[in-house]
Amino acid sequence: MMAFLLRRALSARTLPSFPLYTRCLWQLPDALTSELAAGAPQVCSNGASVCAGFAPFWATRRGFAKARKSKEDDTSATVQVVPDIGPAVKSNTLSLMEAAIAAVSRELSKIRTGRASIGMLDHIIVEARGMKMPLNRVAVVSAVDAHTLSVTPYDPNTLKEIENAIVSSPLGINPIPGDQRLVVPIPPLTKENIQALCKVVNKCAEDGRQSIRRARQKALDTIKKSASSIPKDDIKRIEKEMEEMTKRFIKLVDDMSRAKEKEISGS
């Protein structure tokens, strides 16, 4: 509206009356103020009603300002929703602890006892045809009886390499070459052997416990970093779950260790 009045005031048709329009424009602020206060059209000195319709314009601008302020207030009052990291922390910790149990199981299976076990040769590495592979990748191992294993290579030409690998292993066993296979007698363990192997079992179990505790500590560190955005009750709940999970997996390691020691001592 202001631009419209200015164009009319400066047009060629109204130029002769420019002084009159100038006075009218000078009176415009007072007229607007009076109109807003009285709610009625104002009349300039020439008798023309030039201010009618301006009140809605000013009211609209004031309304826009209020709307912007209200929007800002609503934005500042918005509560940020923090995602629950508990399930992710628990899932990651569970995976790490399960991996620790699997590692302990593999290591314990490598420790020989006085009884024949088809898995006791799996960790032996055989070098054949310029490649190094686990024995169970190049041969089939089976139990003949409680104290004898049979090793049958997939390729009979690798029989000698498999024999050398078994002899070089720390198991202390000597295979006997047969018809396209090796017969592996498992000698009984001496008292000294049993004591030494039990120490190896304890070391393996302790390594597993340490891995489980590291997984728990990693979870607690993750929670600590996000403590400022997590309710205290949730922190306590997650910490309690981590502690219970740790105890459960350590008990698994203890059970595996005792079972292996019993297997060694009873052979």
Protein backbone atom coordinates (compact mmCIF):
# COMPACT_ATOMS: atom_id res chain seq x y z
CA MET A 1 0.00 0.00 0.00
CA MET A 2 2.85 2.36 0.83
CA ALA A 3 4.46 1.74 -2.57
CA PHE A 4 1.10 2.33 -4.28
CA LEU A 5 0.65 5.73 -2.62
CA LEU A 6 4.20 6.75 -3.50
CA ARG A 7 3.66 5.85 -7.17
CA ARG A 8 0.44 7.84 -7.23
CA ALA A 9 2.07 10.79 -5.52
CA LEU A 10 4.93 10.93 -8.03
CA SER A 11 2.89 10.24 -11.18
CA ALA A 12 2.52 12.84 -13.94
CA ARG A 13 -1.19 13.24 -13.29
CA THR A 14 -0.69 14.19 -9.70
CA LEU A 15 2.56 16.15 -10.07
CA PRO A 16 0.75 19.55 -10.00
CA SER A 17 -0.71 18.54 -6.67
CA PHE A 18 2.62 17.28 -5.37
CA PRO A 19 2.71 19.63 -2.35
CA LEU A 20 -0.71 18.37 -1.32
CA TYR A 21 0.38 14.74 -1.54
CA THR A 22 3.58 15.54 0.27
CA ARG A 23 1.65 16.92 3.18
CA CYS A 24 -0.59 13.88 3.05
CA LEU A 25 2.40 11.52 3.18
CA TRP A 26 3.96 13.45 6.04
CA GLN A 27 0.75 12.98 7.96
CA LEU A 28 0.65 9.27 7.17
CA PRO A 29 2.49 7.98 10.31
CA ASP A 30 0.25 10.01 12.61
CA ALA A 31 -2.79 8.82 10.74
CA LEU A 32 -1.69 5.21 11.01
CA THR A 33 -1.10 5.55 14.73
CA SER A 34 -4.48 7.18 15.27
CA GLU A 35 -6.22 4.61 13.11
CA LEU A 36 -4.72 1.74 15.02
CA ALA A 37 -5.81 3.34 18.26
CA ALA A 38 -9.32 4.35 17.17
CA GLY A 39 -10.01 1.66 14.60
CA ALA A 40 -11.45 4.25 12.15
CA PRO A 41 -10.19 5.78 8.85
CA GLN A 42 -8.12 9.00 9.11
CA VAL A 43 -8.46 12.01 6.83
CA CYS A 44 -5.57 14.08 5.55
CA SER A 45 -5.64 17.88 5.23
CA ASN A 46 -7.19 17.73 1.74
CA GLY A 47 -10.17 15.83 3.08
CA ALA A 48 -9.28 12.51 1.42
CA SER A 49 -9.31 9.31 3.37
CA VAL A 50 -5.86 7.88 2.56
CA CYS A 51 -5.17 5.67 5.55
CA ALA A 52 -8.08 3.28 5.40
CA GLY A 53 -6.91 -0.32 5.04
CA PHE A 54 -3.53 0.19 6.67
CA ALA A 55 -4.53 -1.17 10.05
CA PRO A 56 -4.85 -4.72 8.71
CA PHE A 57 -1.37 -4.42 7.18
CA TRP A 58 0.22 -3.43 10.47
CA ALA A 59 -1.80 -5.99 12.36
CA THR A 60 -0.63 -8.64 9.91
CA ARG A 61 3.01 -7.69 10.42
CA ARG A 62 2.59 -7.85 14.15
CA GLY A 63 0.91 -11.21 13.70
CA PHE A 64 3.88 -12.48 11.68
CA ALA A 65 6.26 -11.39 14.43
CA LYS A 66 4.18 -13.20 17.04
CA ALA A 67 4.05 -16.30 14.85
CA ARG A 68 7.84 -16.30 14.42
CA LYS A 69 8.36 -15.88 18.14
CA SER A 70 5.88 -18.64 18.89
CA LYS A 71 7.65 -20.94 16.44
CA GLU A 72 11.01 -20.21 18.06
CA ASP A 73 9.53 -20.92 21.49
CA ASP A 74 8.11 -24.22 20.24
CA THR A 75 11.50 -25.18 18.79
CA SER A 76 13.34 -24.39 22.00
CA ALA A 77 10.79 -26.37 23.99
CA THR A 78 11.19 -29.48 21.81
CA VAL A 79 12.58 -32.41 23.79
CA GLN A 80 15.35 -34.34 22.06
CA VAL A 81 14.70 -38.07 22.03
CA VAL A 82 17.89 -40.02 22.79
CA PRO A 83 18.05 -43.50 21.21
CA ASP A 84 18.41 -46.44 23.56
CA ILE A 85 21.95 -47.78 23.07
CA GLY A 86 21.37 -50.66 25.46
CA PRO A 87 20.39 -53.30 22.84
CA ALA A 88 23.34 -52.42 20.58
CA VAL A 89 25.84 -52.55 23.45
CA LYS A 90 24.40 -55.84 24.68
CA SER A 91 24.47 -57.42 21.21
CA ASN A 92 28.07 -56.38 20.56
CA THR A 93 29.22 -57.59 23.99
CA LEU A 94 27.44 -60.90 23.49
CA SER A 95 29.23 -61.44 20.17
CA LEU A 96 32.64 -60.72 21.72
CA MET A 97 32.04 -63.08 24.64
CA GLU A 98 30.79 -65.85 22.38
CA ALA A 99 33.93 -65.43 20.26
CA ALA A 100 36.02 -65.79 23.44
CA ILE A 101 34.25 -69.06 24.30
CA ALA A 102 34.82 -70.37 20.77
CA ALA A 103 38.53 -69.53 21.01
CA VAL A 104 38.86 -71.35 24.35
CA SER A 105 37.11 -74.39 22.90
CA ARG A 106 39.50 -74.49 19.93
CA GLU A 107 42.57 -74.21 22.13
CA LEU A 108 41.40 -76.89 24.55
CA SER A 109 40.72 -79.28 21.70
CA LYS A 110 44.39 -79.03 20.72
CA ILE A 111 45.54 -80.33 24.10
CA ARG A 112 45.94 -84.06 23.89
CA THR A 113 44.89 -86.55 26.48
CA GLY A 114 45.57 -90.24 26.86
CA ARG A 115 42.48 -91.00 24.79
CA ALA A 116 42.21 -90.74 21.02
CA SER A 117 40.30 -87.69 19.85
CA ILE A 118 39.76 -86.96 16.17
CA GLY A 119 40.06 -83.22 16.81
CA MET A 120 43.44 -83.38 18.51
CA LEU A 121 45.28 -83.28 15.17
CA ASP A 122 43.26 -80.48 13.55
CA HIS A 123 45.68 -77.70 14.51
CA ILE A 124 48.69 -79.45 12.93
CA ILE A 125 49.85 -77.58 9.81
CA VAL A 126 50.91 -79.68 6.83
CA GLU A 127 53.14 -78.24 4.11
CA ALA A 128 52.48 -79.94 0.78
CA ARG A 129 52.79 -78.79 -2.83
CA GLY A 130 54.18 -75.48 -1.68
CA MET A 131 51.12 -74.74 0.45
CA LYS A 132 50.47 -74.80 4.22
CA MET A 133 47.12 -76.19 5.32
CA PRO A 134 45.55 -77.64 8.49
CA LEU A 135 45.71 -81.42 8.62
CA ASN A 136 41.92 -81.77 8.50
CA ARG A 137 42.01 -80.06 5.08
CA VAL A 138 44.31 -82.67 3.54
CA ALA A 139 43.26 -85.87 5.34
CA VAL A 140 40.42 -87.65 7.12
CA VAL A 141 41.04 -88.45 10.80
CA SER A 142 39.07 -91.25 12.47
CA ALA A 143 39.29 -93.11 15.79
CA VAL A 144 40.18 -96.81 15.53
CA ASP A 145 39.80 -97.35 19.28
CA ALA A 146 40.22 -95.39 22.53
CA HIS A 147 43.99 -95.14 22.03
CA THR A 148 44.48 -95.18 18.23
CA LEU A 149 43.77 -92.75 15.40
CA SER A 150 43.78 -93.35 11.65
CA VAL A 151 44.84 -90.60 9.22
CA THR A 152 43.91 -91.13 5.56
CA PRO A 153 45.12 -88.40 3.15
CA TYR A 154 42.94 -87.27 0.27
CA ASP A 155 46.03 -87.47 -1.92
CA PRO A 156 48.23 -90.53 -1.14
CA ASN A 157 51.25 -88.59 -2.41
CA THR A 158 51.05 -86.31 0.64
CA LEU A 159 51.34 -89.19 3.14
CA LYS A 160 54.99 -88.44 3.94
CA GLU A 161 54.37 -84.71 4.47
CA ILE A 162 51.51 -85.50 6.87
CA GLU A 163 53.70 -87.94 8.81
CA ASN A 164 56.47 -85.33 9.17
CA ALA A 165 53.97 -82.71 10.38
CA ILE A 166 52.59 -85.03 13.09
CA VAL A 167 56.07 -85.98 14.29
CA SER A 168 57.09 -82.30 14.44
CA SER A 169 54.04 -81.31 16.51
CA PRO A 170 54.33 -80.84 20.30
CA LEU A 171 51.91 -83.72 20.92
CA GLY A 172 54.72 -86.23 21.38
CA ILE A 173 53.21 -88.94 19.16
CA ASN A 174 54.76 -91.02 16.39
CA PRO A 175 52.54 -92.23 13.52
CA ILE A 176 53.10 -95.59 11.86
CA PRO A 177 52.89 -95.60 8.03
CA GLY A 178 50.40 -98.10 6.63
CA ASP A 179 48.67 -98.83 3.33
CA GLN A 180 47.88 -95.30 2.11
CA ARG A 181 47.21 -94.18 5.66
CA LEU A 182 48.89 -93.47 8.98
CA VAL A 183 48.13 -95.31 12.21
CA VAL A 184 48.63 -92.94 15.15
CA PRO A 185 48.87 -94.60 18.58
CA ILE A 186 48.15 -92.29 21.52
CA PRO A 187 50.50 -93.20 24.37
CA PRO A 188 49.28 -92.91 27.97
CA LEU A 189 50.22 -89.73 29.78
CA THR A 190 52.76 -89.75 32.57
CA LYS A 191 52.22 -87.86 35.81
CA GLU A 192 54.57 -85.13 34.61
CA ASN A 193 52.66 -84.87 31.33
CA ILE A 194 49.37 -84.52 33.17
CA GLN A 195 50.67 -81.71 35.38
CA ALA A 196 52.15 -79.84 32.43
CA LEU A 197 48.96 -80.19 30.38
CA CYS A 198 46.79 -79.00 33.28
CA LYS A 199 48.89 -75.83 33.44
CA VAL A 200 48.29 -75.31 29.74
CA VAL A 201 44.55 -75.76 30.31
CA ASN A 202 44.57 -73.18 33.11
CA LYS A 203 46.48 -70.70 30.94
CA CYS A 204 44.01 -71.20 28.10
CA ALA A 205 41.06 -70.70 30.45
CA GLU A 206 42.56 -67.53 31.94
CA ASP A 207 43.07 -66.08 28.47
CA GLY A 208 39.39 -66.70 27.82
CA ARG A 209 38.37 -65.00 31.06
CA GLN A 210 40.48 -61.97 30.21
CA SER A 211 38.84 -61.72 26.78
CA ILE A 212 35.41 -61.81 28.41
CA ARG A 213 36.36 -59.12 30.93
CA ARG A 214 37.73 -56.93 28.14
CA ALA A 215 34.41 -57.24 26.33
CA ARG A 216 32.62 -56.12 29.49
CA GLN A 217 34.99 -53.17 29.97
CA LYS A 218 34.48 -52.11 26.37
CA ALA A 219 30.72 -52.05 26.96
CA LEU A 220 31.12 -50.01 30.15
CA ASP A 221 33.38 -47.52 28.35
CA THR A 222 30.77 -47.09 25.63
CA ILE A 223 28.10 -46.41 28.24
CA LYS A 224 30.37 -43.96 30.06
CA LYS A 225 30.94 -41.92 26.91
CA SER A 226 27.18 -41.54 26.45
CA ALA A 227 26.36 -41.10 30.15
CA SER A 228 25.37 -37.44 29.74
CA SER A 229 22.51 -38.38 27.40
CA ILE A 230 21.31 -41.58 29.12
CA PRO A 231 19.06 -41.68 32.19
CA LYS A 232 20.81 -42.97 35.30
CA ASP A 233 18.29 -45.78 35.67
CA ASP A 234 19.12 -47.03 32.17
CA ILE A 235 22.85 -46.88 32.91
CA LYS A 236 22.42 -48.98 36.04
CA ARG A 237 20.24 -51.46 34.16
CA ILE A 238 22.78 -51.90 31.34
CA GLU A 239 25.68 -52.24 33.78
CA LYS A 240 23.78 -54.91 35.69
CA GLU A 241 23.07 -56.83 32.48
CA MET A 242 26.76 -56.66 31.50
CA GLU A 243 27.80 -57.97 34.91
CA GLU A 244 25.36 -60.88 34.74
CA MET A 245 26.49 -61.74 31.21
CA THR A 246 30.14 -61.67 32.30
CA LYS A 247 29.51 -64.04 35.19
CA ARG A 248 27.61 -66.43 32.94
CA PHE A 249 30.37 -66.65 30.33
CA ILE A 250 33.16 -66.93 32.87
CA LYS A 251 31.29 -69.85 34.42
CA LEU A 252 31.25 -71.49 30.98
CA VAL A 253 35.03 -71.13 30.76
CA ASP A 254 35.43 -72.59 34.25
CA ASP A 255 33.24 -75.56 33.35
CA MET A 256 35.20 -76.19 30.14
CA SER A 257 38.49 -75.98 32.02
CA ARG A 258 37.42 -78.43 34.73
CA ALA A 259 36.08 -80.87 32.14
CA LYS A 260 39.37 -80.80 30.24
CA GLU A 261 41.44 -81.29 33.38
CA LYS A 262 39.25 -84.22 34.35
CA GLU A 263 39.69 -85.70 30.89
CA ILE A 264 43.47 -85.38 31.15
CA SER A 265 43.76 -86.69 34.70
CA GLY A 266 41.41 -89.60 34.11
CA SER A 267 43.18 -90.85 31.02
